[in-house]
Structures are given as C-alpha cells and as structure tokens.
C-alpha atoms as a PDB file:
ATOM      1  CA  MET A   1      41.356  30.421 -11.728  1.00  0.00           C
ATOM      2  CA  ALA A   2      41.589  31.774  -8.214  1.00  0.00           C
ATOM      3  CA  VAL A   3      38.648  31.891  -5.858  1.00  0.00           C
ATOM      4  CA  SER A   4      38.235  35.271  -4.274  1.00  0.00           C
ATOM      5  CA  GLY A   5      37.682  35.752  -0.577  1.00  0.00           C
ATOM      6  CA  LYS A   6      34.350  37.409  -1.407  1.00  0.00           C
ATOM      7  CA  ALA A   7      33.099  34.291  -3.232  1.00  0.00           C
ATOM      8  CA  ALA A   8      34.047  32.117  -0.262  1.00  0.00           C
ATOM      9  CA  GLU A   9      32.273  34.528   2.094  1.00  0.00           C
ATOM     10  CA  ASP A  10      29.134  34.377  -0.090  1.00  0.00           C
ATOM     11  CA  ILE A  11      29.165  30.566   0.039  1.00  0.00           C
ATOM     12  CA  LEU A  12      29.675  30.531   3.804  1.00  0.00           C
ATOM     13  CA  GLU A  13      26.894  33.090   4.257  1.00  0.00           C
ATOM     14  CA  ARG A  14      24.453  30.870   2.301  1.00  0.00           C
ATOM     15  CA  ILE A  15      25.468  27.804   4.319  1.00  0.00           C
ATOM     16  CA  PHE A  16      25.126  29.403   7.732  1.00  0.00           C
ATOM     17  CA  GLN A  17      22.331  31.864   7.020  1.00  0.00           C
ATOM     18  CA  PRO A  18      19.222  30.788   8.892  1.00  0.00           C
ATOM     19  CA  THR A  19      16.520  29.641   6.534  1.00  0.00           C
ATOM     20  CA  THR A  20      13.269  31.501   6.663  1.00  0.00           C
ATOM     21  CA  LYS A  21       9.974  29.711   6.973  1.00  0.00           C
ATOM     22  CA  PRO A  22       7.811  29.852   3.868  1.00  0.00           C
ATOM     23  CA  SER A  23       5.023  32.390   3.971  1.00  0.00           C
ATOM     24  CA  ALA A  24       1.384  31.342   3.831  1.00  0.00           C
ATOM     25  CA  ARG A  25       1.380  32.438   0.195  1.00  0.00           C
ATOM     26  CA  ASP A  26       4.469  30.319  -0.588  1.00  0.00           C
ATOM     27  CA  GLN A  27       2.841  27.321   1.081  1.00  0.00           C
ATOM     28  CA  ALA A  28      -0.375  27.822  -0.892  1.00  0.00           C
ATOM     29  CA  GLU A  29       1.536  28.097  -4.161  1.00  0.00           C
ATOM     30  CA  GLU A  30       3.498  24.925  -3.360  1.00  0.00           C
ATOM     31  CA  THR A  31       0.281  23.069  -2.551  1.00  0.00           C
ATOM     32  CA  LEU A  32      -1.292  24.130  -5.827  1.00  0.00           C
ATOM     33  CA  ARG A  33       1.806  23.070  -7.782  1.00  0.00           C
ATOM     34  CA  HIS A  34       2.294  19.772  -5.921  1.00  0.00           C
ATOM     35  CA  PRO A  35      -0.879  18.664  -4.122  1.00  0.00           C
ATOM     36  CA  LYS A  36      -0.524  15.716  -1.774  1.00  0.00           C
ATOM     37  CA  ARG A  37      -2.510  12.541  -2.287  1.00  0.00           C
ATOM     38  CA  LEU A  38      -5.759  12.139  -0.355  1.00  0.00           C
ATOM     39  CA  VAL A  39      -6.185   9.027   1.787  1.00  0.00           C
ATOM     40  CA  TYR A  40      -9.615   7.890   2.915  1.00  0.00           C
ATOM     41  CA  VAL A  41      -9.254   6.412   6.414  1.00  0.00           C
ATOM     42  CA  ALA A  42     -11.431   3.314   6.847  1.00  0.00           C
ATOM     43  CA  MET A  43     -11.792   1.929  10.360  1.00  0.00           C
ATOM     44  CA  SER A  44     -14.380   0.282  12.557  1.00  0.00           C
ATOM     45  CA  ASN A  45     -16.253   2.428  15.040  1.00  0.00           C
ATOM     46  CA  LYS A  46     -14.945   0.039  17.708  1.00  0.00           C
ATOM     47  CA  VAL A  47     -11.488   1.616  17.420  1.00  0.00           C
ATOM     48  CA  PHE A  48     -12.525   5.223  16.777  1.00  0.00           C
ATOM     49  CA  TYR A  49     -10.613   6.318  19.903  1.00  0.00           C
ATOM     50  CA  TRP A  50      -7.397   5.836  17.868  1.00  0.00           C
ATOM     51  CA  ARG A  51      -8.555   8.340  15.225  1.00  0.00           C
ATOM     52  CA  ALA A  52      -6.087  11.109  16.154  1.00  0.00           C
ATOM     53  CA  HIS A  53      -3.125   8.693  16.137  1.00  0.00           C
ATOM     54  CA  ILE A  54      -4.199   7.377  12.744  1.00  0.00           C
ATOM     55  CA  GLN A  55      -4.559  10.933  11.382  1.00  0.00           C
ATOM     56  CA  LYS A  56      -0.999  11.639  12.539  1.00  0.00           C
ATOM     57  CA  PHE A  57       0.249   8.425  10.914  1.00  0.00           C
ATOM     58  CA  VAL A  58      -1.258   9.404   7.548  1.00  0.00           C
ATOM     59  CA  LEU A  59       0.112  12.961   7.785  1.00  0.00           C
ATOM     60  CA  ASP A  60       3.547  11.631   8.767  1.00  0.00           C
ATOM     61  CA  SER A  61       3.361   9.420   5.662  1.00  0.00           C
ATOM     62  CA  GLY A  62       3.166  12.555   3.509  1.00  0.00           C
ATOM     63  CA  MET A  63      -0.509  12.156   2.644  1.00  0.00           C
ATOM     64  CA  VAL A  64      -3.660  14.070   3.560  1.00  0.00           C
ATOM     65  CA  PRO A  65      -6.131  12.032   5.626  1.00  0.00           C
ATOM     66  CA  ILE A  66      -9.862  12.121   5.055  1.00  0.00           C
ATOM     67  CA  SER A  67     -11.286  10.588   8.186  1.00  0.00           C
ATOM     68  CA  PRO A  68     -15.044  10.214   8.679  1.00  0.00           C
ATOM     69  CA  PHE A  69     -14.609   9.952  12.453  1.00  0.00           C
ATOM     70  CA  MET A  70     -12.801  13.286  12.516  1.00  0.00           C
ATOM     71  CA  LEU A  71     -15.389  14.934  10.275  1.00  0.00           C
ATOM     72  CA  PHE A  72     -18.683  13.390  11.335  1.00  0.00           C
ATOM     73  CA  ASP A  73     -17.989  11.853  14.768  1.00  0.00           C
ATOM     74  CA  TYR A  74     -20.972   9.617  15.490  1.00  0.00           C
ATOM     75  CA  TYR A  75     -23.366  10.960  12.877  1.00  0.00           C
ATOM     76  CA  LEU A  76     -22.818  14.474  14.229  1.00  0.00           C
ATOM     77  CA  MET A  77     -24.042  13.482  17.687  1.00  0.00           C
ATOM     78  CA  HIS A  78     -26.996  11.708  16.042  1.00  0.00           C
ATOM     79  CA  THR A  79     -28.373  15.010  14.682  1.00  0.00           C
ATOM     80  CA  VAL A  80     -28.017  13.838  11.066  1.00  0.00           C
ATOM     81  CA  SER A  81     -29.396  10.641   9.604  1.00  0.00           C
ATOM     82  CA  LYS A  82     -27.003   7.778   8.954  1.00  0.00           C
ATOM     83  CA  GLU A  83     -27.982   7.796   5.274  1.00  0.00           C
ATOM     84  CA  VAL A  84     -26.921  11.434   4.830  1.00  0.00           C
ATOM     85  CA  VAL A  85     -23.586  10.828   6.565  1.00  0.00           C
ATOM     86  CA  ARG A  86     -22.949   7.622   4.573  1.00  0.00           C
ATOM     87  CA  GLU A  87     -23.592   9.492   1.331  1.00  0.00           C
ATOM     88  CA  ALA A  88     -21.139  12.190   2.408  1.00  0.00           C
ATOM     89  CA  MET A  89     -18.549   9.538   3.345  1.00  0.00           C
ATOM     90  CA  ASN A  90     -18.977   7.765   0.000  1.00  0.00           C
ATOM     91  CA  ASN A  91     -18.459  11.078  -1.803  1.00  0.00           C
ATOM     92  CA  LEU A  92     -15.230  11.627   0.110  1.00  0.00           C
ATOM     93  CA  LEU A  93     -14.137   8.066  -0.642  1.00  0.00           C
ATOM     94  CA  ALA A  94     -14.826   8.669  -4.354  1.00  0.00           C
ATOM     95  CA  ARG A  95     -12.616  11.775  -4.322  1.00  0.00           C
ATOM     96  CA  SER A  96      -9.766  10.102  -2.443  1.00  0.00           C
ATOM     97  CA  ASP A  97      -6.697   8.745  -4.180  1.00  0.00           C
ATOM     98  CA  GLU A  98      -6.288   5.742  -1.874  1.00  0.00           C
ATOM     99  CA  VAL A  99      -8.112   3.921   0.910  1.00  0.00           C
ATOM    100  CA  TRP A 100      -6.193   2.824   3.985  1.00  0.00           C
ATOM    101  CA  VAL A 101      -7.827   0.301   6.316  1.00  0.00           C
ATOM    102  CA  PHE A 102      -6.842   0.378   9.995  1.00  0.00           C
ATOM    103  CA  GLY A 103      -7.560  -2.488  12.355  1.00  0.00           C
ATOM    104  CA  ARG A 104     -10.132  -5.239  12.030  1.00  0.00           C
ATOM    105  CA  ILE A 105     -12.592  -5.031   9.167  1.00  0.00           C
ATOM    106  CA  SER A 106     -16.213  -4.333  10.105  1.00  0.00           C
ATOM    107  CA  LEU A 107     -19.137  -4.696   7.703  1.00  0.00           C
ATOM    108  CA  GLY A 108     -19.053  -0.945   6.970  1.00  0.00           C
ATOM    109  CA  VAL A 109     -15.319  -1.036   6.239  1.00  0.00           C
ATOM    110  CA  LYS A 110     -15.831  -4.074   4.010  1.00  0.00           C
ATOM    111  CA  VAL A 111     -18.366  -2.089   1.963  1.00  0.00           C
ATOM    112  CA  GLN A 112     -15.975   0.882   1.738  1.00  0.00           C
ATOM    113  CA  VAL A 113     -13.198  -1.433   0.516  1.00  0.00           C
ATOM    114  CA  GLY A 114     -15.597  -2.882  -2.064  1.00  0.00           C
ATOM    115  CA  ILE A 115     -16.410   0.617  -3.337  1.00  0.00           C
ATOM    116  CA  ALA A 116     -12.703   1.487  -3.502  1.00  0.00           C
ATOM    117  CA  LYS A 117     -11.859  -1.671  -5.444  1.00  0.00           C
ATOM    118  CA  ARG A 118     -14.688  -1.102  -7.923  1.00  0.00           C
ATOM    119  CA  MET A 119     -13.277   2.384  -8.474  1.00  0.00           C
ATOM    120  CA  SER A 120      -9.767   0.892  -8.971  1.00  0.00           C
ATOM    121  CA  LYS A 121      -8.326   2.704  -5.967  1.00  0.00           C
ATOM    122  CA  THR A 122      -5.278   1.473  -4.101  1.00  0.00           C
ATOM    123  CA  VAL A 123      -6.289  -0.175  -0.824  1.00  0.00           C
ATOM    124  CA  ARG A 124      -3.703  -0.651   1.924  1.00  0.00           C
ATOM    125  CA  TYR A 125      -4.148  -2.430   5.245  1.00  0.00           C
ATOM    126  CA  PHE A 126      -2.603  -1.666   8.636  1.00  0.00           C
ATOM    127  CA  ASP A 127      -2.460  -3.485  11.955  1.00  0.00           C
ATOM    128  CA  ILE A 128      -3.055  -1.051  14.820  1.00  0.00           C
ATOM    129  CA  GLY A 129      -2.643  -3.564  17.651  1.00  0.00           C
ATOM    130  CA  ASP A 130       0.509  -1.758  18.853  1.00  0.00           C
ATOM    131  CA  LEU A 131      -0.920   1.767  18.929  1.00  0.00           C
ATOM    132  CA  PRO A 132       0.036   4.280  20.190  1.00  0.00           C
ATOM    133  CA  ILE A 133       3.550   2.961  19.549  1.00  0.00           C
ATOM    134  CA  ALA A 134       3.339   1.641  15.998  1.00  0.00           C
ATOM    135  CA  VAL A 135       1.160   1.106  12.945  1.00  0.00           C
ATOM    136  CA  MET A 136       2.253  -1.881  10.871  1.00  0.00           C
ATOM    137  CA  PRO A 137       1.457  -2.420   7.182  1.00  0.00           C
ATOM    138  CA  ILE A 138      -0.087  -5.823   6.479  1.00  0.00           C
ATOM    139  CA  THR A 139      -1.471  -7.589   3.437  1.00  0.00           C
ATOM    140  CA  GLU A 140      -5.127  -7.937   2.573  1.00  0.00           C
ATOM    141  CA  GLU A 141      -4.797 -11.650   3.253  1.00  0.00           C
ATOM    142  CA  THR A 142      -3.615 -11.082   6.832  1.00  0.00           C
ATOM    143  CA  ALA A 143      -6.222  -8.402   7.605  1.00  0.00           C
ATOM    144  CA  GLN A 144      -8.848  -9.804   9.944  1.00  0.00           C
ATOM    145  CA  GLU A 145     -12.557  -9.250  10.138  1.00  0.00           C
ATOM    146  CA  GLU A 146     -14.006  -7.722  13.245  1.00  0.00           C
ATOM    147  CA  LEU A 147     -15.157 -10.199  15.861  1.00  0.00           C
ATOM    148  CA  LYS A 148     -18.896 -10.439  16.419  1.00  0.00           C
ATOM    149  CA  ASP A 149     -20.183  -9.317  19.818  1.00  0.00           C
END
C-alpha cells in the first residue's frame, strides 16, 4: 500500500502546526473531569515569609495548595478572632486530601498533624532550610520541633 503525498503532508502539518492554548472553558472542563488533589500547607508562623515559595513548590508538584498564611495572613490583621480563623483552618484541613508540613514543627502544626492523622490523611514532611533554592522531602522521624524562644 502506497502512502500518498497528501497523507504525508497531513502528518507533517499536524507535527509542525502550532498548538493552541486551551480556552477557559476547556480548562474548566478538564478541571471538572480530573480535579487535582488539595494539599493543606502546615508551617510555623516563624517561617511565614517563605509562604509564596512553598505555594509555588506545591503547585509545581501538581497539587493545589491550601495555605492559611496566604488566606488569613495574621488573623486578617488581627480583625478576626483566633478562634474563628482556627475553625476556618480546621475546615480547610478537613477538606484537604493531604497535609504537607514545611520546616520545624510548632505546637499549632503539631495539632494540625494530629487532626490529619486522626482523619487518616497522608502527612508529608519537608525541610525548607535551603529555600529559596530547594525544598527537601524528609521523614516524620527526621522532622524537628520548633526551638523555644
């Protein structure tokens, strides 16, 4: 069976034709068909200045970050009670698929990890000592508690 010149031209056209970016509708449909996993970002307020780098790390990992420091800053500039913000954070943690812990573990992070474990969520730990260059996965056993002031 001979291959026609037209068939070869069609193949070459598909190979070298610039691909179009998906429309907003195409992206929405893809998201609904294949939603990404939600990752609750747990980190001490002592390292909150790394929050944007950590968000990028989670996004680059193919997940969607839920980061209290990006959503609530410091209790919305202290205009909302800590109890209200903690309840909101716990609701987000409950809806997340996984919890990722970045840096040393503060008391608040320890409680969040405890909630995640009781809900049978995957908990992963990361060393952020080399930020902004690298985030390194570590085991729960090598994760360190925050030093007392």
